[in-house]
Amino acid sequence: MSPSSSSSSSSSSSSSPVSSPSSSFWPLPDVPLPDALQRLKASAERVVLDPRYHDVLAILKGARNGAVYGAKVRFPHALVMAVLFRPGTAREKLSLVLGATRTHARNLARFALVYKLVRYLLRRLHALRSPRDLLNLNPADILDLDLDLGLGLDLEGGGEGAKGRKSGKRAKGGGGGGKEGPYDAFIAGLVGGYVVFGGRSRRTGKIPSVNQQIVIYVFARVVLALARLSIKPGGAGLPVISRERVSAAISRHAWPVFAAASWAAVMHLFRHHPDDLQPSLRGSMNYIYQQSDHWDSLRNFIWHNK
């Protein structure tokens, strides 16, 4: 290779744009991030990493995570159920799937928002020294939102901005504003459950089926957790049954009894009071136990249900 070609290649390589880590989110890696966006990104990052705003931003991220989780959980389930068991056109099935996904994601996001907001406000109220402080309280003092969006921020990483970024990684549950009370989570869950899941549809006047499924799912896990807690040795359980020998015997034999009683109850209800069962459960049981009583050919005995 000639020196001229070598120099030309080296000059071309040195002149080629190199994307910086700060512009990794930029969709055009070969185009430098505009200065205005650089400043905006740096300002936003200073805010989200500033420990002063951690608790308030955690509320927003809780809503974000609730929406994402709700969509991930509901969409595949609703899609499978619609394809396999729902009558109607493809457009109607898609509408049902998207509607259920939107409801699930929205309600989990709303609950996370209300729950974390109530807990945050309760912590702020616990920080008050006396009832007189409550009478003289400024709402801005509760939220403590003295956000500086950084019009004059140090974008080179020094000064107070660096301190904010260094202290942005906080311990779990960090943030000032008072100590959490023993019943804060219960109160916040009570408010969130009533506001988000306690209402009826404005259009039909009925409890939305998605809300029913979520609440029943939570209730079942609460009952199981309380059952385990009631026999837990060491002071947390109930008298007598939380003794070690009694607890061990219950733990060993309770599940078969619970499983048998649950199936006995649901089959009795399905046989004699089917309209009182949850619609999706009733539909599944009808497919398995009632429609299996009918066929008129080998085709719908083996390959098809009807």
Protein backbone atom coordinates (compact mmCIF):
# COMPACT_ATOMS: atom_id res chain seq x y z
CA MET A 1 0.00 0.00 0.00
CA SER A 2 1.31 3.46 -0.92
CA PRO A 3 1.82 6.17 1.69
CA SER A 4 -0.75 8.34 -0.02
CA SER A 5 -3.42 5.64 0.21
CA SER A 6 -2.46 4.98 3.81
CA SER A 7 -2.76 8.65 4.73
CA SER A 8 -6.04 8.99 2.90
CA SER A 9 -7.50 5.96 4.67
CA SER A 10 -6.33 7.24 8.03
CA SER A 11 -7.80 10.68 7.37
CA SER A 12 -11.11 9.17 6.28
CA SER A 13 -11.28 6.97 9.37
CA SER A 14 -10.49 9.90 11.64
CA SER A 15 -13.15 12.04 10.02
CA SER A 16 -15.89 9.40 10.31
CA PRO A 17 -18.44 10.20 13.03
CA VAL A 18 -18.28 8.07 16.15
CA SER A 19 -21.39 7.66 18.28
CA SER A 20 -20.92 8.45 21.94
CA PRO A 21 -22.43 6.48 24.82
CA SER A 22 -24.63 9.47 25.64
CA SER A 23 -26.36 9.14 22.25
CA SER A 24 -26.93 5.39 22.43
CA PHE A 25 -30.71 5.96 22.39
CA TRP A 26 -30.46 8.09 19.24
CA PRO A 27 -32.00 6.19 16.27
CA LEU A 28 -29.35 7.46 13.81
CA PRO A 29 -25.98 6.22 15.14
CA ASP A 30 -24.01 7.84 12.30
CA VAL A 31 -25.50 11.27 12.97
CA PRO A 32 -24.33 13.16 16.07
CA LEU A 33 -27.00 13.94 18.63
CA PRO A 34 -28.10 17.59 18.32
CA ASP A 35 -26.88 19.87 21.09
CA ALA A 36 -30.43 20.73 22.14
CA LEU A 37 -31.28 17.05 22.65
CA GLN A 38 -27.97 16.52 24.45
CA ARG A 39 -28.89 19.24 26.93
CA LEU A 40 -32.44 17.98 27.29
CA LYS A 41 -31.28 14.41 27.92
CA ALA A 42 -28.70 15.56 30.45
CA SER A 43 -31.31 17.66 32.25
CA ALA A 44 -33.80 14.80 32.35
CA GLU A 45 -31.17 12.37 33.58
CA ARG A 46 -30.15 14.72 36.36
CA VAL A 47 -33.75 14.88 37.52
CA VAL A 48 -34.41 11.12 37.47
CA LEU A 49 -31.14 10.39 39.31
CA ASP A 50 -31.53 13.14 41.90
CA PRO A 51 -32.35 11.51 45.27
CA ARG A 52 -34.63 14.42 46.18
CA TYR A 53 -37.15 13.29 43.57
CA HIS A 54 -36.80 9.55 44.02
CA ASP A 55 -40.05 8.94 45.88
CA VAL A 56 -42.21 10.94 43.47
CA LEU A 57 -40.59 9.40 40.39
CA ALA A 58 -41.04 5.94 41.95
CA ILE A 59 -44.79 6.56 41.84
CA LEU A 60 -44.62 7.25 38.11
CA LYS A 61 -42.44 4.23 37.43
CA GLY A 62 -44.83 2.06 39.45
CA ALA A 63 -47.63 3.11 37.10
CA ARG A 64 -45.39 2.39 34.12
CA ASN A 65 -44.48 -1.08 35.41
CA GLY A 66 -48.12 -1.86 36.19
CA ALA A 67 -49.15 -1.03 32.63
CA VAL A 68 -46.33 -3.08 31.10
CA TYR A 69 -46.92 -6.10 33.33
CA GLY A 70 -50.67 -5.99 32.76
CA ALA A 71 -50.23 -5.94 29.00
CA LYS A 72 -47.69 -8.78 29.05
CA VAL A 73 -49.88 -10.99 31.22
CA ARG A 74 -53.27 -10.29 29.64
CA PHE A 75 -52.50 -10.16 25.91
CA PRO A 76 -51.35 -13.79 25.36
CA HIS A 77 -54.04 -15.16 27.69
CA ALA A 78 -56.82 -13.17 26.01
CA LEU A 79 -55.51 -14.09 22.56
CA VAL A 80 -55.53 -17.83 23.28
CA MET A 81 -58.98 -17.74 24.88
CA ALA A 82 -60.43 -15.69 22.01
CA VAL A 83 -58.99 -17.94 19.30
CA LEU A 84 -59.97 -21.20 20.96
CA PHE A 85 -63.28 -20.46 22.63
CA ARG A 86 -64.79 -17.17 21.44
CA PRO A 87 -67.19 -17.10 18.49
CA GLY A 88 -67.14 -14.24 16.01
CA THR A 89 -65.03 -12.78 13.26
CA ALA A 90 -61.30 -12.12 13.47
CA ARG A 91 -62.01 -8.38 13.88
CA GLU A 92 -64.37 -9.05 16.81
CA LYS A 93 -61.89 -11.36 18.48
CA LEU A 94 -59.08 -8.85 18.05
CA SER A 95 -61.27 -6.14 19.56
CA LEU A 96 -61.95 -8.33 22.61
CA VAL A 97 -58.25 -9.11 23.03
CA LEU A 98 -57.17 -5.48 22.80
CA GLY A 99 -59.99 -4.35 25.09
CA ALA A 100 -59.09 -6.86 27.79
CA THR A 101 -55.40 -6.00 27.48
CA ARG A 102 -56.08 -2.28 27.73
CA THR A 103 -58.30 -2.75 30.81
CA HIS A 104 -55.80 -4.98 32.59
CA ALA A 105 -52.84 -2.71 31.87
CA ARG A 106 -54.72 0.48 32.74
CA ASN A 107 -56.08 -0.83 36.03
CA LEU A 108 -52.76 -2.22 37.25
CA ALA A 109 -51.15 1.11 36.35
CA ARG A 110 -53.87 3.05 38.19
CA PHE A 111 -53.64 0.83 41.26
CA ALA A 112 -49.85 1.16 41.42
CA LEU A 113 -50.21 4.94 41.08
CA VAL A 114 -52.82 5.24 43.85
CA TYR A 115 -51.10 2.75 46.16
CA LYS A 116 -47.66 4.32 45.96
CA LEU A 117 -49.07 7.85 46.13
CA VAL A 118 -51.07 7.11 49.29
CA ARG A 119 -48.07 5.48 50.95
CA TYR A 120 -45.94 8.48 50.03
CA LEU A 121 -48.47 10.94 51.44
CA LEU A 122 -48.84 8.91 54.64
CA ARG A 123 -45.07 8.94 55.13
CA ARG A 124 -45.07 12.70 54.70
CA LEU A 125 -47.87 13.05 57.23
CA HIS A 126 -46.04 10.84 59.73
CA ALA A 127 -43.20 13.37 59.61
CA LEU A 128 -45.41 16.06 61.13
CA ARG A 129 -44.64 16.70 64.77
CA SER A 130 -48.13 17.65 65.97
CA PRO A 131 -51.75 18.10 64.79
CA ARG A 132 -51.08 21.85 64.67
CA ASP A 133 -48.53 21.20 61.91
CA LEU A 134 -51.29 19.59 59.87
CA LEU A 135 -53.46 22.72 60.11
CA ASN A 136 -50.63 24.93 58.90
CA LEU A 137 -49.50 22.52 56.21
CA ASN A 138 -48.81 23.77 52.72
CA PRO A 139 -49.65 21.11 50.06
CA ALA A 140 -46.34 21.90 48.37
CA ASP A 141 -44.58 20.81 51.56
CA ILE A 142 -46.14 17.36 51.26
CA LEU A 143 -45.10 16.80 47.67
CA ASP A 144 -41.81 18.69 48.05
CA LEU A 145 -41.61 19.14 44.29
CA ASP A 146 -38.96 21.83 43.98
CA LEU A 147 -37.98 20.45 40.58
CA ASP A 148 -35.25 22.34 38.76
CA LEU A 149 -35.31 21.20 35.16
CA GLY A 150 -31.78 22.44 34.75
CA LEU A 151 -31.83 25.32 32.33
CA GLY A 152 -28.35 26.17 33.57
CA LEU A 153 -27.11 22.69 34.30
CA ASP A 154 -23.47 21.69 34.20
CA LEU A 155 -23.56 19.31 31.23
CA GLU A 156 -19.94 18.31 31.56
CA GLY A 157 -20.62 16.13 34.59
CA GLY A 158 -19.23 18.36 37.33
CA GLY A 159 -20.74 20.37 40.11
CA GLU A 160 -23.98 19.49 41.80
CA GLY A 161 -25.21 17.52 38.79
CA ALA A 162 -22.50 14.95 39.37
CA LYS A 163 -23.43 14.77 43.03
CA GLY A 164 -27.02 14.11 42.04
CA ARG A 165 -25.98 11.31 39.71
CA LYS A 166 -23.63 9.77 42.24
CA SER A 167 -26.28 9.76 44.92
CA GLY A 168 -29.02 8.73 42.51
CA LYS A 169 -28.48 5.04 43.25
CA ARG A 170 -30.24 4.80 46.55
CA ALA A 171 -30.92 2.12 49.06
CA LYS A 172 -34.19 0.22 48.70
CA GLY A 173 -37.15 2.29 49.81
CA GLY A 174 -34.96 5.37 50.14
CA GLY A 175 -36.15 8.90 50.36
CA GLY A 176 -36.98 11.26 53.12
CA GLY A 177 -40.36 12.39 54.27
CA GLY A 178 -41.04 10.40 57.40
CA LYS A 179 -41.09 6.86 58.64
CA GLU A 180 -43.57 4.34 57.27
CA GLY A 181 -46.35 3.34 59.65
CA PRO A 182 -47.24 -0.31 60.36
CA TYR A 183 -50.60 -0.07 58.53
CA ASP A 184 -49.66 2.25 55.66
CA ALA A 185 -49.58 -0.56 53.10
CA PHE A 186 -52.99 -1.82 54.28
CA ILE A 187 -54.55 1.65 54.05
CA ALA A 188 -53.00 2.33 50.65
CA GLY A 189 -54.19 -1.04 49.34
CA LEU A 190 -57.67 -0.37 50.73
CA VAL A 191 -57.90 2.97 48.94
CA GLY A 192 -56.45 1.63 45.69
CA GLY A 193 -58.66 -1.45 45.68
CA TYR A 194 -61.80 0.62 46.23
CA VAL A 195 -60.95 3.32 43.71
CA VAL A 196 -59.62 1.08 40.92
CA PHE A 197 -61.31 -2.31 41.31
CA GLY A 198 -64.43 -1.49 43.34
CA GLY A 199 -66.45 0.21 40.64
CA ARG A 200 -68.87 -0.98 37.98
CA SER A 201 -68.85 -0.37 34.26
CA ARG A 202 -70.56 2.91 33.35
CA ARG A 203 -71.83 1.38 30.14
CA THR A 204 -73.26 -1.92 31.41
CA GLY A 205 -73.54 -1.36 35.15
CA LYS A 206 -71.74 -4.67 35.76
CA ILE A 207 -68.42 -5.49 37.37
CA PRO A 208 -65.86 -5.81 34.53
CA SER A 209 -64.79 -9.42 34.05
CA VAL A 210 -61.11 -8.45 33.98
CA ASN A 211 -61.45 -6.80 37.39
CA GLN A 212 -63.24 -9.86 38.74
CA GLN A 213 -60.44 -12.13 37.58
CA ILE A 214 -57.73 -9.92 39.08
CA VAL A 215 -59.48 -9.57 42.45
CA ILE A 216 -60.32 -13.29 42.66
CA TYR A 217 -56.71 -14.13 41.81
CA VAL A 218 -55.47 -11.83 44.57
CA PHE A 219 -58.07 -13.12 47.05
CA ALA A 220 -57.08 -16.75 46.50
CA ARG A 221 -53.43 -15.96 47.16
CA VAL A 222 -54.33 -13.92 50.23
CA VAL A 223 -56.30 -16.83 51.69
CA LEU A 224 -53.41 -19.23 51.07
CA ALA A 225 -50.93 -16.81 52.64
CA LEU A 226 -53.15 -16.31 55.70
CA ALA A 227 -53.55 -20.07 56.05
CA ARG A 228 -49.77 -20.51 56.04
CA LEU A 229 -49.35 -17.61 58.45
CA SER A 230 -51.93 -19.02 60.87
CA ILE A 231 -49.89 -22.19 61.46
CA LYS A 232 -46.47 -20.56 61.34
CA PRO A 233 -44.49 -21.29 64.52
CA GLY A 234 -42.67 -18.54 66.33
CA GLY A 235 -45.43 -16.22 67.48
CA ALA A 236 -46.94 -15.15 64.15
CA GLY A 237 -49.49 -17.98 63.99
CA LEU A 238 -52.70 -18.71 65.86
CA PRO A 239 -52.67 -20.41 69.27
CA VAL A 240 -52.46 -24.22 69.39
CA ILE A 241 -52.26 -24.82 65.64
CA SER A 242 -48.98 -22.89 65.38
CA ARG A 243 -47.20 -25.31 67.70
CA GLU A 244 -44.47 -27.13 65.84
CA ARG A 245 -45.94 -30.65 65.91
CA VAL A 246 -49.47 -29.49 65.14
CA SER A 247 -48.21 -27.14 62.42
CA ALA A 248 -46.19 -29.90 60.79
CA ALA A 249 -49.18 -32.26 60.79
CA ILE A 250 -51.48 -29.61 59.28
CA SER A 251 -48.90 -28.71 56.63
CA ARG A 252 -48.65 -32.35 55.63
CA HIS A 253 -52.37 -33.15 55.40
CA ALA A 254 -54.10 -29.82 54.73
CA TRP A 255 -53.50 -29.64 50.99
CA PRO A 256 -55.26 -32.94 50.06
CA VAL A 257 -58.25 -31.91 52.17
CA PHE A 258 -58.27 -28.42 50.65
CA ALA A 259 -58.03 -29.76 47.09
CA ALA A 260 -60.80 -32.30 47.62
CA ALA A 261 -63.12 -29.77 49.29
CA SER A 262 -62.51 -27.19 46.55
CA TRP A 263 -63.35 -29.57 43.73
CA ALA A 264 -66.33 -30.99 45.57
CA ALA A 265 -67.73 -27.49 46.08
CA VAL A 266 -67.15 -26.27 42.52
CA MET A 267 -68.67 -29.41 40.96
CA HIS A 268 -71.73 -29.15 43.19
CA LEU A 269 -72.16 -25.49 42.27
CA PHE A 270 -71.70 -26.25 38.57
CA ARG A 271 -74.27 -29.02 38.69
CA HIS A 272 -76.96 -27.18 40.67
CA HIS A 273 -76.11 -23.43 40.56
CA PRO A 274 -74.09 -22.84 37.37
CA ASP A 275 -75.28 -19.25 36.90
CA ASP A 276 -73.55 -18.21 40.12
CA LEU A 277 -70.10 -19.29 38.93
CA GLN A 278 -67.72 -16.87 37.25
CA PRO A 279 -68.49 -16.87 33.47
CA SER A 280 -65.07 -18.02 32.23
CA LEU A 281 -65.01 -20.88 34.75
CA ARG A 282 -68.55 -21.85 33.83
CA GLY A 283 -67.66 -21.83 30.13
CA SER A 284 -64.62 -24.05 30.67
CA MET A 285 -66.56 -26.52 32.77
CA ASN A 286 -69.41 -26.57 30.28
CA TYR A 287 -66.96 -27.46 27.51
CA ILE A 288 -65.39 -30.30 29.50
CA TYR A 289 -68.32 -31.82 31.37
CA GLN A 290 -71.53 -31.02 29.47
CA GLN A 291 -70.58 -30.86 25.81
CA SER A 292 -68.72 -34.15 26.19
CA ASP A 293 -72.13 -35.85 26.62
CA HIS A 294 -73.14 -35.19 23.00
CA TRP A 295 -71.91 -36.44 19.61
CA ASP A 296 -73.50 -37.86 16.48
CA SER A 297 -70.53 -39.17 14.50
CA LEU A 298 -66.94 -40.32 14.80
CA ARG A 299 -65.89 -36.91 13.52
CA ASN A 300 -67.28 -34.93 16.44
CA PHE A 301 -66.45 -37.69 18.89
CA ILE A 302 -62.69 -37.48 18.29
CA TRP A 303 -61.65 -34.60 16.06
CA HIS A 304 -64.24 -31.93 16.73
CA ASN A 305 -66.41 -31.08 19.69
CA LYS A 306 -69.49 -30.21 17.65
